[in-house]
Amino acid sequence: MSSSSRAWGSSLWSALVDSAALMVLLRGGQPFLFSRGLRAMLGAGAPAAEKIAKMFDAVARQPGQATFVEGELLDQAGRIRRVRFDLSWSGPHTEFVLAVGHDETEQRAREAEFERRALTDGLTGLPNRALLDDRFGQALLAAGRDESTVGLLLFDIDRFKDVNDTFGHRAGDELLRLVAERVRGELRVSDTVARIGGDEFAIVLPQASDASSAVRTADKIARRLAEPFTVSGNVFEVSASFGVALFPGDGTSAEVLLDRADEAMYTAKRRGTGVSLYHGDGGSRARTTATRVDQLREAIRDDVLALEFQPTVRLRDRQTVRLEALVRWPQPAANALDPAAFVAMAERNGLGRALSSWVLRRALGRYRDWQRMGIGDGLSVNVSLADVSDRGFRERVLHELQAQHVEPSALTLEVSARALNGATISRIEQPVAELSETGVRFALDDFGTSVATLPQVLRLPFAELKVDGSFIAGLCTESASWRFVRQAIDGAHDRGLETTAEGVEDETTARVLERLGCDVAQGRHLTHALVGERLTFLRTGGQELARSN
């Protein structure tokens, strides 16, 4: 051993013996000395050396080359620990190697939990739309290679709104959980059932042999759902309407098949048949869809849409700080479309830009009126990825702000995390940055539902992070939801972002969020969405509250 190597090794001896860090000194590529911290994890003696020696085989085979090693170690309690060791070589002689370890077990667990949450529905535990899109895409690729059939079922619960209105949203949520459990029990391991919004579910059948096979599966699930449910002592008898579409006969892309299964589902609902197979002749449902597109075009043109405003409330003093504009399409109950449904229909049929322009113009007009009354701190408007990536979007926003005499800093544009991935983030990165430079704020809506990683998402200059309501719903009852919300709040604050909780339904949840440091929140417990566009603000006990006239 050279004198320099001997001195280098000796200088580490005492530091290693007493260090609480995970450190090991290797000599000739073999474990030579463990720190106190590593001995506490693995135990002392030959067994500990054997546990760690395998991790450093490559170090011994290629001295001086590796910069780190990582792997799994079994600690004294029998738990698997994920550890990474960064290597410091003694110099050109490479006789001694100092490896400094980092226990990444909890970090990897958090990442795995974050990924799971991003791909599953927080209420039912089923795959969400993002995971459905991935699995459906894979099934279509495989079927294309094998020249086989894939079935797609789309269904929703008939008159589900009546359950929410009569028994409350907690009962409705529990019913959806029970529905998900029953459906899952009727499917094969290779099938995928996902909750894609509200009371709507999609099922991918990669082994459907033909239309009859897919319809039989739908019939079987429909019969199972017709059996009574018991929720909080109340007995519910429900029915569901199923639409069935098949690859490749009804379409070769996921988007087309979803549209056609949706058409078939509404045919089943209208006829009361329970299950309907899509017919490629463009039957009555297709004509109805075309008619509705024309009606929506006329509604935008004739200014017959309406806005509701969802207050955003500061948790520490329950003061309204912003209002989020929500578009509604007033229609008879029998023909009413869920807002998400007609917004999606608008985007699919070339009306997305006209609709978003209408919302922005009308919402800014209302906000201008509030400013003239000396009230109102800010306005939020939802925008789609198509809006943001449109070449003229920046100019449209600035034009409306100028026309309504509203400062850019008063406007927050909300972008849903559901549609974000590496490709879409790259597409909107520049326009978001350019518009942010004018003072317009951007908020990341539905946080926790994206397949994009947090570092990817934070490439965009968001000022606000809105935690999806599915996590808030489980905040007080699920430890995983509590951890996710806490990490989201802390992570956002570390990066200078304001945090918003969506879907706060009770005072306990509001108080827990306040203790966690959440800045603001939305939800029925704090205040309902305000119907109509004529709003007044009441000052009560120093608080500014919003209400509709």
Protein backbone atom coordinates (compact mmCIF):
# COMPACT_ATOMS: atom_id res chain seq x y z
CA MET A 1 0.00 0.00 0.00
CA SER A 2 1.43 3.44 -0.90
CA SER A 3 1.94 6.05 1.82
CA SER A 4 -0.65 8.33 0.21
CA SER A 5 -3.28 5.57 0.11
CA ARG A 6 -2.45 4.60 3.69
CA ALA A 7 -2.88 8.19 4.86
CA TRP A 8 -6.14 8.56 2.91
CA GLY A 9 -7.56 5.39 4.51
CA SER A 10 -6.37 6.25 8.01
CA SER A 11 -7.91 9.72 7.92
CA LEU A 12 -11.33 8.18 7.31
CA TRP A 13 -11.09 5.48 9.98
CA SER A 14 -12.32 7.39 13.01
CA ALA A 15 -14.92 9.37 11.01
CA LEU A 16 -16.41 6.18 9.61
CA VAL A 17 -16.59 4.29 12.88
CA ASP A 18 -18.71 6.93 14.62
CA SER A 19 -20.68 8.33 11.69
CA ALA A 20 -24.46 7.97 11.71
CA ALA A 21 -24.45 8.24 7.92
CA LEU A 22 -24.60 5.22 5.63
CA MET A 23 -20.93 4.89 4.74
CA VAL A 24 -18.63 2.05 3.82
CA LEU A 25 -14.92 2.01 3.08
CA LEU A 26 -13.93 -0.49 0.43
CA ARG A 27 -10.45 -1.87 -0.09
CA GLY A 28 -9.72 -3.67 -3.30
CA GLY A 29 -13.41 -3.49 -4.17
CA GLN A 30 -14.45 -5.37 -0.99
CA PRO A 31 -16.23 -3.92 2.10
CA PHE A 32 -13.51 -3.05 4.62
CA LEU A 33 -15.14 -0.81 7.21
CA PHE A 34 -18.79 0.10 7.98
CA SER A 35 -20.07 3.27 9.62
CA ARG A 36 -22.22 3.11 12.73
CA GLY A 37 -25.26 4.11 10.65
CA LEU A 38 -24.77 1.25 8.20
CA ARG A 39 -24.15 -1.27 11.00
CA ALA A 40 -27.41 -0.13 12.65
CA MET A 41 -29.29 -0.82 9.42
CA LEU A 42 -27.70 -4.12 8.40
CA GLY A 43 -26.19 -5.51 11.59
CA ALA A 44 -22.54 -6.24 12.23
CA GLY A 45 -20.15 -8.94 11.15
CA ALA A 46 -19.92 -11.25 8.16
CA PRO A 47 -23.66 -11.29 7.30
CA ALA A 48 -23.63 -7.52 6.87
CA ALA A 49 -20.57 -7.69 4.65
CA GLU A 50 -22.22 -10.37 2.52
CA LYS A 51 -25.36 -8.26 2.14
CA ILE A 52 -23.49 -5.31 0.74
CA ALA A 53 -20.62 -7.02 -1.12
CA LYS A 54 -22.88 -8.00 -4.02
CA MET A 55 -23.72 -4.36 -4.66
CA PHE A 56 -20.05 -3.59 -5.21
CA ASP A 57 -19.13 -6.43 -7.57
CA ALA A 58 -18.92 -4.02 -10.50
CA VAL A 59 -16.64 -1.73 -8.49
CA ALA A 60 -14.19 -4.56 -7.93
CA ARG A 61 -14.32 -5.60 -11.61
CA GLN A 62 -13.82 -2.08 -13.01
CA PRO A 63 -11.84 -0.05 -10.49
CA GLY A 64 -11.90 3.71 -10.87
CA GLN A 65 -14.80 3.80 -13.32
CA ALA A 66 -18.10 3.68 -11.45
CA THR A 67 -19.41 6.85 -9.80
CA PHE A 68 -22.31 5.26 -7.94
CA VAL A 69 -24.00 1.95 -7.23
CA GLU A 70 -27.58 1.33 -6.14
CA GLY A 71 -29.67 -1.62 -5.15
CA GLU A 72 -31.86 -3.21 -2.51
CA LEU A 73 -30.65 -4.30 0.92
CA LEU A 74 -32.44 -6.33 3.55
CA ASP A 75 -32.21 -4.59 6.93
CA GLN A 76 -32.15 -6.28 10.34
CA ALA A 77 -35.95 -6.12 10.58
CA GLY A 78 -36.33 -7.95 7.27
CA ARG A 79 -37.48 -4.86 5.37
CA ILE A 80 -36.26 -4.08 1.88
CA ARG A 81 -34.33 -0.79 1.73
CA ARG A 82 -33.48 0.96 -1.52
CA VAL A 83 -30.00 2.50 -1.15
CA ARG A 84 -27.76 4.46 -3.49
CA PHE A 85 -24.02 4.82 -2.77
CA ASP A 86 -21.98 7.63 -4.34
CA LEU A 87 -18.33 6.65 -4.75
CA SER A 88 -15.17 8.65 -3.99
CA TRP A 89 -11.97 7.03 -5.24
CA SER A 90 -8.63 7.43 -3.45
CA GLY A 91 -6.92 8.57 -6.60
CA PRO A 92 -5.07 6.83 -9.40
CA HIS A 93 -4.21 3.87 -7.16
CA THR A 94 -7.95 3.21 -6.53
CA GLU A 95 -7.11 0.94 -3.60
CA PHE A 96 -9.61 2.58 -1.26
CA VAL A 97 -13.13 3.63 -2.18
CA LEU A 98 -15.39 5.66 0.08
CA ALA A 99 -19.07 4.97 -0.59
CA VAL A 100 -21.58 7.39 0.93
CA GLY A 101 -25.11 5.97 0.94
CA HIS A 102 -28.54 7.53 0.72
CA ASP A 103 -31.59 5.58 1.87
CA GLU A 104 -34.08 6.29 -0.91
CA THR A 105 -36.74 3.86 0.33
CA GLU A 106 -39.26 6.51 1.41
CA GLN A 107 -38.54 8.72 -1.60
CA ARG A 108 -39.14 5.82 -4.00
CA ALA A 109 -42.30 4.92 -2.11
CA ARG A 110 -43.53 8.51 -2.40
CA GLU A 111 -42.77 8.52 -6.12
CA ALA A 112 -44.59 5.22 -6.57
CA GLU A 113 -47.57 6.54 -4.62
CA PHE A 114 -47.58 9.74 -6.66
CA GLU A 115 -47.55 7.73 -9.90
CA ARG A 116 -50.35 5.49 -8.61
CA ARG A 117 -52.42 8.50 -7.64
CA ALA A 118 -51.78 10.12 -11.00
CA LEU A 119 -53.19 7.07 -12.78
CA THR A 120 -56.10 6.09 -10.54
CA ASP A 121 -59.41 7.61 -9.58
CA GLY A 122 -59.24 8.81 -5.99
CA LEU A 123 -62.84 7.91 -5.21
CA THR A 124 -63.14 4.37 -6.58
CA GLY A 125 -59.53 3.26 -6.90
CA LEU A 126 -60.16 2.40 -10.56
CA PRO A 127 -57.87 3.52 -13.38
CA ASN A 128 -58.58 7.09 -14.45
CA ARG A 129 -58.85 8.53 -17.95
CA ALA A 130 -55.08 8.83 -18.35
CA LEU A 131 -54.47 5.15 -17.54
CA LEU A 132 -57.48 4.13 -19.64
CA ASP A 133 -56.03 5.96 -22.64
CA ASP A 134 -52.72 4.15 -22.18
CA ARG A 135 -54.21 0.66 -21.80
CA PHE A 136 -56.76 1.20 -24.56
CA GLY A 137 -54.00 2.35 -26.88
CA GLN A 138 -51.91 -0.70 -26.09
CA ALA A 139 -54.89 -3.00 -26.64
CA LEU A 140 -55.56 -1.42 -30.04
CA LEU A 141 -51.92 -1.79 -31.10
CA ALA A 142 -51.89 -5.46 -30.10
CA ALA A 143 -55.21 -6.11 -31.84
CA GLY A 144 -53.92 -4.41 -34.97
CA ARG A 145 -50.93 -6.75 -35.04
CA ASP A 146 -52.98 -9.85 -34.25
CA GLU A 147 -55.97 -8.89 -36.42
CA SER A 148 -58.24 -9.43 -33.42
CA THR A 149 -61.20 -7.55 -31.92
CA VAL A 150 -61.30 -5.14 -28.98
CA GLY A 151 -64.58 -4.23 -27.31
CA LEU A 152 -65.28 -0.89 -25.64
CA LEU A 153 -68.19 -0.44 -23.23
CA LEU A 154 -69.23 2.98 -22.01
CA PHE A 155 -71.89 3.25 -19.31
CA ASP A 156 -73.33 5.61 -16.76
CA ILE A 157 -75.86 5.35 -13.93
CA ASP A 158 -79.37 6.40 -14.93
CA ARG A 159 -80.73 9.34 -12.91
CA PHE A 160 -77.63 9.43 -10.73
CA LYS A 161 -78.16 13.16 -10.16
CA ASP A 162 -81.34 12.29 -8.23
CA VAL A 163 -79.25 10.32 -5.73
CA ASN A 164 -76.96 13.29 -5.11
CA ASP A 165 -79.83 15.76 -4.90
CA THR A 166 -81.92 13.62 -2.54
CA PHE A 167 -79.38 11.88 -0.31
CA GLY A 168 -76.31 14.11 -0.69
CA HIS A 169 -72.95 13.74 -2.38
CA ARG A 170 -71.51 11.45 0.29
CA ALA A 171 -74.20 8.88 -0.48
CA GLY A 172 -73.58 9.37 -4.20
CA ASP A 173 -69.84 8.83 -3.73
CA GLU A 174 -70.40 5.65 -1.72
CA LEU A 175 -72.77 4.35 -4.40
CA LEU A 176 -70.10 4.95 -7.06
CA ARG A 177 -67.56 3.02 -4.97
CA LEU A 178 -69.96 0.09 -4.68
CA VAL A 179 -70.70 0.21 -8.42
CA ALA A 180 -66.98 0.11 -9.18
CA GLU A 181 -66.52 -2.88 -6.86
CA ARG A 182 -69.32 -4.86 -8.51
CA VAL A 183 -68.16 -4.13 -12.03
CA ARG A 184 -64.59 -5.10 -11.22
CA GLY A 185 -65.85 -8.42 -9.88
CA GLU A 186 -67.51 -9.27 -13.21
CA LEU A 187 -64.44 -8.75 -15.40
CA ARG A 188 -61.40 -10.77 -16.37
CA VAL A 189 -57.89 -9.82 -15.28
CA SER A 190 -57.09 -8.70 -18.84
CA ASP A 191 -60.06 -6.28 -18.92
CA THR A 192 -59.81 -2.67 -17.76
CA VAL A 193 -62.60 -0.68 -16.12
CA ALA A 194 -61.98 3.03 -15.55
CA ARG A 195 -63.97 5.88 -14.10
CA ILE A 196 -63.70 8.70 -16.61
CA GLY A 197 -65.85 11.32 -14.94
CA GLY A 198 -68.89 11.76 -12.72
CA ASP A 199 -70.93 8.56 -12.92
CA GLU A 200 -69.45 7.54 -16.27
CA PHE A 201 -67.28 4.42 -16.66
CA ALA A 202 -65.43 2.81 -19.57
CA ILE A 203 -64.48 -0.86 -19.97
CA VAL A 204 -61.87 -2.16 -22.41
CA LEU A 205 -62.31 -5.82 -23.46
CA PRO A 206 -59.12 -6.86 -25.29
CA GLN A 207 -60.32 -10.45 -25.67
CA ALA A 208 -63.80 -9.75 -27.05
CA SER A 209 -64.30 -12.20 -29.89
CA ASP A 210 -67.19 -10.34 -31.51
CA ALA A 211 -70.10 -7.98 -30.89
CA SER A 212 -72.16 -10.70 -29.19
CA SER A 213 -69.38 -11.34 -26.68
CA ALA A 214 -69.13 -7.64 -25.78
CA VAL A 215 -72.91 -7.28 -25.48
CA ARG A 216 -73.08 -10.36 -23.23
CA THR A 217 -70.51 -8.77 -20.92
CA ALA A 218 -72.53 -5.54 -20.82
CA ASP A 219 -75.74 -7.49 -20.09
CA LYS A 220 -74.03 -9.41 -17.29
CA ILE A 221 -72.79 -6.20 -15.64
CA ALA A 222 -76.17 -4.51 -16.09
CA ARG A 223 -77.90 -7.40 -14.28
CA ARG A 224 -75.37 -7.23 -11.45
CA LEU A 225 -75.89 -3.49 -11.05
CA ALA A 226 -79.66 -3.97 -10.97
CA GLU A 227 -79.32 -5.79 -7.65
CA PRO A 228 -80.12 -3.45 -4.70
CA PHE A 229 -77.36 -1.38 -3.07
CA THR A 230 -77.40 -0.42 0.60
CA VAL A 231 -75.81 2.93 1.43
CA SER A 232 -76.00 4.38 4.95
CA GLY A 233 -79.10 2.35 5.70
CA ASN A 234 -80.85 3.36 2.48
CA VAL A 235 -81.62 0.84 -0.25
CA PHE A 236 -80.99 1.97 -3.82
CA GLU A 237 -82.16 0.25 -6.96
CA VAL A 238 -80.30 1.62 -9.95
CA SER A 239 -80.00 0.93 -13.64
CA ALA A 240 -77.26 1.71 -16.11
CA SER A 241 -77.14 2.48 -19.83
CA PHE A 242 -74.38 0.81 -21.89
CA GLY A 243 -72.98 1.70 -25.27
CA VAL A 244 -70.82 -0.83 -27.16
CA ALA A 245 -68.29 -0.14 -29.93
CA LEU A 246 -65.78 -2.52 -31.51
CA PHE A 247 -62.32 -2.28 -33.03
CA PRO A 248 -61.82 -2.40 -35.97
CA GLY A 249 -65.36 -2.44 -37.32
CA ASP A 250 -66.58 0.77 -35.62
CA GLY A 251 -63.28 2.64 -35.71
CA THR A 252 -59.53 2.23 -35.47
CA SER A 253 -58.62 5.04 -33.06
CA ALA A 254 -59.40 5.40 -29.36
CA GLU A 255 -61.02 8.80 -29.88
CA VAL A 256 -63.40 7.56 -32.58
CA LEU A 257 -64.34 4.45 -30.61
CA LEU A 258 -65.06 6.49 -27.47
CA ASP A 259 -67.28 8.82 -29.46
CA ARG A 260 -69.17 5.91 -31.01
CA ALA A 261 -69.60 4.06 -27.73
CA ASP A 262 -70.91 7.34 -26.32
CA GLU A 263 -73.43 7.60 -29.17
CA ALA A 264 -74.56 4.05 -28.53
CA MET A 265 -74.89 4.71 -24.79
CA TYR A 266 -77.22 7.64 -25.38
CA THR A 267 -79.25 5.53 -27.77
CA ALA A 268 -79.66 2.94 -24.99
CA LYS A 269 -80.61 5.67 -22.53
CA ARG A 270 -83.16 7.24 -24.87
CA ARG A 271 -84.77 3.92 -25.81
CA GLY A 272 -84.56 2.45 -22.31
CA THR A 273 -82.95 -0.73 -23.65
CA GLY A 274 -80.05 -0.85 -21.16
CA VAL A 275 -77.49 -1.89 -23.80
CA SER A 276 -77.05 -0.58 -27.34
CA LEU A 277 -74.53 -1.57 -29.99
CA TYR A 278 -73.15 1.19 -32.20
CA HIS A 279 -74.52 1.04 -35.74
CA GLY A 280 -72.28 2.33 -38.47
CA ASP A 281 -75.13 3.82 -40.48
CA GLY A 282 -74.88 6.98 -38.40
CA GLY A 283 -78.31 6.43 -36.85
CA SER A 284 -80.42 8.73 -34.79
CA ARG A 285 -77.81 9.30 -32.09
CA ALA A 286 -75.32 10.55 -34.68
CA ARG A 287 -77.98 12.87 -36.07
CA THR A 288 -78.77 14.03 -32.54
CA THR A 289 -75.08 14.79 -31.96
CA ALA A 290 -74.93 16.86 -35.14
CA THR A 291 -78.08 18.69 -34.08
CA ARG A 292 -76.60 19.45 -30.67
CA VAL A 293 -73.45 20.82 -32.24
CA ASP A 294 -75.61 23.16 -34.32
CA GLN A 295 -77.58 24.12 -31.20
CA LEU A 296 -74.40 24.87 -29.28
CA ARG A 297 -73.09 26.97 -32.16
CA GLU A 298 -76.32 28.96 -32.06
CA ALA A 299 -76.17 29.26 -28.26
CA ILE A 300 -72.69 30.79 -28.46
CA ARG A 301 -73.70 33.08 -31.32
CA ASP A 302 -76.97 34.20 -29.68
CA ASP A 303 -75.42 34.69 -26.24
CA VAL A 304 -77.72 32.27 -24.44
CA LEU A 305 -75.05 30.45 -22.44
CA ALA A 306 -74.70 31.34 -18.77
CA LEU A 307 -71.94 31.65 -16.21
CA GLU A 308 -71.74 30.46 -12.64
CA PHE A 309 -68.97 31.68 -10.37
CA GLN A 310 -67.22 29.43 -7.86
CA PRO A 311 -65.68 31.49 -5.05
CA THR A 312 -62.14 30.78 -3.94
CA VAL A 313 -61.91 31.38 -0.21
CA ARG A 314 -58.83 32.17 1.87
CA LEU A 315 -58.75 29.58 4.63
CA ARG A 316 -57.30 31.67 7.43
CA ASP A 317 -60.15 34.23 7.41
CA ARG A 318 -62.72 32.68 5.01
CA GLN A 319 -62.62 35.75 2.77
CA THR A 320 -63.44 35.43 -0.94
CA VAL A 321 -60.30 36.27 -2.92
CA ARG A 322 -61.18 35.11 -6.43
CA LEU A 323 -64.08 33.82 -8.49
CA GLU A 324 -63.78 31.00 -11.02
CA ALA A 325 -66.03 31.34 -14.07
CA LEU A 326 -67.90 28.14 -14.98
CA VAL A 327 -69.89 27.97 -18.24
CA ARG A 328 -73.37 26.45 -18.28
CA TRP A 329 -75.79 25.71 -21.12
CA PRO A 330 -79.38 26.20 -19.94
CA GLN A 331 -81.57 23.45 -21.44
CA PRO A 332 -84.65 21.43 -20.49
CA ALA A 333 -83.73 18.72 -17.99
CA ALA A 334 -84.39 15.91 -20.48
CA ASN A 335 -81.86 17.32 -22.92
CA ALA A 336 -79.34 18.81 -20.49
CA LEU A 337 -75.68 18.03 -21.02
CA ASP A 338 -73.09 17.96 -18.26
CA PRO A 339 -70.73 20.98 -18.69
CA ALA A 340 -67.73 18.72 -19.26
CA ALA A 341 -69.67 16.90 -21.99
CA PHE A 342 -70.66 19.95 -24.01
CA VAL A 343 -67.24 21.59 -23.58
CA ALA A 344 -65.64 18.39 -24.94
CA MET A 345 -68.23 18.32 -27.75
CA ALA A 346 -67.34 21.91 -28.63
CA GLU A 347 -63.63 21.11 -28.80
CA ARG A 348 -64.21 17.98 -30.94
CA ASN A 349 -66.36 19.87 -33.43
CA GLY A 350 -64.39 23.05 -34.00
CA LEU A 351 -66.28 25.25 -31.51
CA GLY A 352 -63.62 25.27 -28.77
CA ARG A 353 -62.17 28.65 -29.69
CA ALA A 354 -65.59 30.30 -30.02
CA LEU A 355 -66.70 28.89 -26.65
CA SER A 356 -63.54 29.90 -24.77
CA SER A 357 -63.69 33.39 -26.29
CA TRP A 358 -67.31 33.76 -25.16
CA VAL A 359 -66.45 32.68 -21.60
CA LEU A 360 -63.41 34.96 -21.39
CA ARG A 361 -65.28 37.99 -22.75
CA ARG A 362 -68.34 37.57 -20.52
CA ALA A 363 -66.36 36.72 -17.39
CA LEU A 364 -64.06 39.71 -17.81
CA GLY A 365 -67.13 41.89 -18.36
CA ARG A 366 -68.59 40.77 -15.03
CA TYR A 367 -65.27 41.30 -13.31
CA ARG A 368 -65.06 44.82 -14.74
CA ASP A 369 -68.44 45.58 -13.15
CA TRP A 370 -67.23 44.33 -9.78
CA GLN A 371 -64.12 46.47 -10.04
CA ARG A 372 -66.27 49.54 -10.63
CA MET A 373 -67.95 48.71 -7.33
CA GLY A 374 -64.51 48.61 -5.71
CA ILE A 375 -64.57 44.88 -4.99
CA GLY A 376 -63.08 41.69 -6.32
CA ASP A 377 -59.44 40.63 -6.19
CA GLY A 378 -59.25 38.28 -9.13
CA LEU A 379 -60.93 36.11 -11.73
CA SER A 380 -60.12 32.56 -12.88
CA VAL A 381 -61.08 31.13 -16.28
CA ASN A 382 -60.51 27.56 -17.48
CA VAL A 383 -58.70 27.12 -20.79
CA SER A 384 -57.86 23.99 -22.78
CA LEU A 385 -54.54 22.90 -24.25
CA ALA A 386 -55.98 23.69 -27.67
CA ASP A 387 -56.69 27.24 -26.51
CA VAL A 388 -53.20 27.81 -25.13
CA SER A 389 -51.41 26.32 -28.13
CA ASP A 390 -53.50 28.36 -30.59
CA ARG A 391 -51.28 30.93 -32.31
CA GLY A 392 -53.67 33.79 -31.68
CA PHE A 393 -54.42 32.97 -28.04
CA ARG A 394 -52.06 35.51 -26.49
CA GLU A 395 -53.45 38.31 -28.62
CA ARG A 396 -57.05 37.27 -27.91
CA VAL A 397 -56.49 37.32 -24.15
CA LEU A 398 -54.71 40.67 -24.21
CA HIS A 399 -57.38 42.14 -26.48
CA GLU A 400 -60.19 41.11 -24.12
CA LEU A 401 -58.30 42.43 -21.10
CA GLN A 402 -57.80 45.77 -22.80
CA ALA A 403 -61.38 45.95 -24.06
CA GLN A 404 -62.76 45.32 -20.55
CA HIS A 405 -60.15 47.56 -18.84
CA VAL A 406 -58.91 44.73 -16.62
CA GLU A 407 -55.28 44.44 -15.51
CA PRO A 408 -53.54 41.22 -16.66
CA SER A 409 -52.53 40.42 -13.07
CA ALA A 410 -56.22 40.08 -12.12
CA LEU A 411 -56.71 37.14 -14.51
CA THR A 412 -55.77 33.54 -13.76
CA LEU A 413 -55.98 30.98 -16.57
CA GLU A 414 -56.45 27.41 -15.32
CA VAL A 415 -54.92 24.52 -17.28
CA SER A 416 -56.03 21.00 -16.32
CA ALA A 417 -53.29 18.54 -15.38
CA ARG A 418 -55.36 15.70 -16.86
CA ALA A 419 -54.15 16.37 -20.39
CA LEU A 420 -50.53 17.15 -19.55
CA ASN A 421 -47.68 14.91 -20.61
CA GLY A 422 -44.18 15.51 -21.90
CA ALA A 423 -45.35 16.28 -25.44
CA THR A 424 -48.21 18.63 -24.53
CA ILE A 425 -46.05 20.49 -22.02
CA SER A 426 -43.45 21.14 -24.72
CA ARG A 427 -46.20 22.40 -27.05
CA ILE A 428 -47.56 25.01 -24.65
CA GLU A 429 -44.35 25.94 -22.82
CA GLN A 430 -43.56 28.98 -24.97
CA PRO A 431 -47.07 30.50 -25.20
CA VAL A 432 -47.58 30.11 -21.44
CA ALA A 433 -44.24 31.79 -20.74
CA GLU A 434 -44.99 34.66 -23.15
CA LEU A 435 -48.42 35.33 -21.67
CA SER A 436 -47.07 35.06 -18.12
CA GLU A 437 -44.62 37.84 -18.91
CA THR A 438 -47.58 40.20 -19.42
CA GLY A 439 -48.75 39.57 -15.84
CA VAL A 440 -51.44 36.96 -16.49
CA ARG A 441 -51.31 34.17 -13.89
CA PHE A 442 -51.50 30.46 -14.73
CA ALA A 443 -52.86 27.78 -12.38
CA LEU A 444 -52.36 24.02 -12.62
CA ASP A 445 -55.85 22.57 -12.13
CA ASP A 446 -56.64 18.96 -11.08
CA PHE A 447 -53.15 18.39 -9.67
CA GLY A 448 -52.51 14.70 -9.09
CA THR A 449 -54.28 13.47 -12.22
CA SER A 450 -51.47 13.93 -14.73
CA VAL A 451 -49.17 11.26 -16.13
CA ALA A 452 -46.47 13.95 -16.38
CA THR A 453 -43.84 14.09 -13.65
CA LEU A 454 -43.72 17.05 -11.28
CA PRO A 455 -40.41 18.36 -12.74
CA GLN A 456 -42.01 18.28 -16.21
CA VAL A 457 -45.10 20.13 -15.02
CA LEU A 458 -43.04 22.78 -13.24
CA ARG A 459 -41.30 23.71 -16.47
CA LEU A 460 -44.40 25.85 -16.94
CA PRO A 461 -44.50 29.11 -14.93
CA PHE A 462 -47.50 28.27 -12.77
CA ALA A 463 -48.38 30.64 -9.94
CA GLU A 464 -50.96 28.35 -8.34
CA LEU A 465 -51.39 24.63 -7.78
CA LYS A 466 -54.93 23.28 -7.31
CA VAL A 467 -55.05 19.86 -5.63
CA ASP A 468 -57.68 17.63 -7.22
CA GLY A 469 -60.83 17.05 -5.17
CA SER A 470 -60.36 13.26 -5.20
CA PHE A 471 -57.43 13.70 -2.80
CA ILE A 472 -59.24 16.27 -0.66
CA ALA A 473 -62.19 13.87 -0.26
CA GLY A 474 -59.95 11.32 1.46
CA LEU A 475 -57.84 13.79 3.43
CA CYS A 476 -59.32 12.93 6.84
CA THR A 477 -59.88 9.21 6.25
CA GLU A 478 -56.99 7.97 4.08
CA SER A 479 -53.37 8.28 5.17
CA ALA A 480 -52.20 8.14 1.53
CA SER A 481 -54.41 11.11 0.61
CA TRP A 482 -53.19 13.04 3.66
CA ARG A 483 -49.55 12.43 2.70
CA PHE A 484 -50.16 13.38 -0.92
CA VAL A 485 -51.91 16.63 0.01
CA ARG A 486 -49.23 17.55 2.55
CA GLN A 487 -46.45 16.87 0.03
CA ALA A 488 -48.29 18.84 -2.65
CA ILE A 489 -48.69 21.85 -0.36
CA ASP A 490 -45.09 21.74 0.86
CA GLY A 491 -43.72 21.17 -2.63
CA ALA A 492 -45.75 24.05 -4.07
CA HIS A 493 -44.67 26.42 -1.32
CA ASP A 494 -41.03 25.43 -1.79
CA ARG A 495 -41.39 26.64 -5.38
CA GLY A 496 -43.29 29.81 -4.49
CA LEU A 497 -46.71 28.59 -5.69
CA GLU A 498 -50.03 29.33 -4.01
CA THR A 499 -52.00 26.20 -3.08
CA THR A 500 -55.73 25.65 -3.58
CA ALA A 501 -57.81 22.72 -2.34
CA GLU A 502 -60.75 21.70 -4.52
CA GLY A 503 -63.95 20.10 -3.26
CA VAL A 504 -63.92 20.98 0.46
CA GLU A 505 -67.14 19.44 1.82
CA ASP A 506 -66.90 19.87 5.61
CA GLU A 507 -65.36 21.99 8.36
CA THR A 508 -63.00 19.25 9.56
CA THR A 509 -61.38 19.07 6.13
CA ALA A 510 -61.12 22.87 5.98
CA ARG A 511 -59.37 23.00 9.36
CA VAL A 512 -56.95 20.21 8.47
CA LEU A 513 -56.06 22.01 5.24
CA GLU A 514 -55.47 25.22 7.16
CA ARG A 515 -53.13 23.42 9.59
CA LEU A 516 -51.25 21.93 6.63
CA GLY A 517 -50.66 25.45 5.32
CA CYS A 518 -53.04 25.38 2.34
CA ASP A 519 -53.70 28.94 1.21
CA VAL A 520 -57.17 28.91 -0.33
CA ALA A 521 -59.97 26.45 -1.08
CA GLN A 522 -63.17 25.85 -3.00
CA GLY A 523 -66.16 23.70 -2.13
CA ARG A 524 -69.78 23.58 -1.10
CA HIS A 525 -68.91 23.76 2.60
CA LEU A 526 -67.27 27.14 2.08
CA THR A 527 -69.77 28.49 -0.44
CA HIS A 528 -71.77 27.10 -3.34
CA ALA A 529 -71.18 28.09 -6.94
CA LEU A 530 -73.12 31.28 -7.52
CA VAL A 531 -75.87 30.98 -10.09
CA GLY A 532 -76.35 33.84 -12.49
CA GLU A 533 -74.08 36.69 -13.38
CA ARG A 534 -75.38 39.46 -11.12
CA LEU A 535 -73.30 39.19 -7.96
CA THR A 536 -73.02 41.35 -4.89
CA PHE A 537 -70.40 41.28 -2.20
CA LEU A 538 -71.34 41.55 1.46
CA ARG A 539 -68.87 42.64 4.10
CA THR A 540 -69.65 40.86 7.34
CA GLY A 541 -67.33 40.99 10.32
CA GLY A 542 -64.50 42.26 8.17
CA GLN A 543 -64.97 39.42 5.66
CA GLU A 544 -65.86 39.87 2.03
CA LEU A 545 -68.40 37.28 0.90
CA ALA A 546 -69.91 36.76 -2.52
CA ARG A 547 -73.51 35.87 -3.30
CA SER A 548 -75.85 35.88 -6.30
CA ASN A 549 -78.87 38.15 -6.54
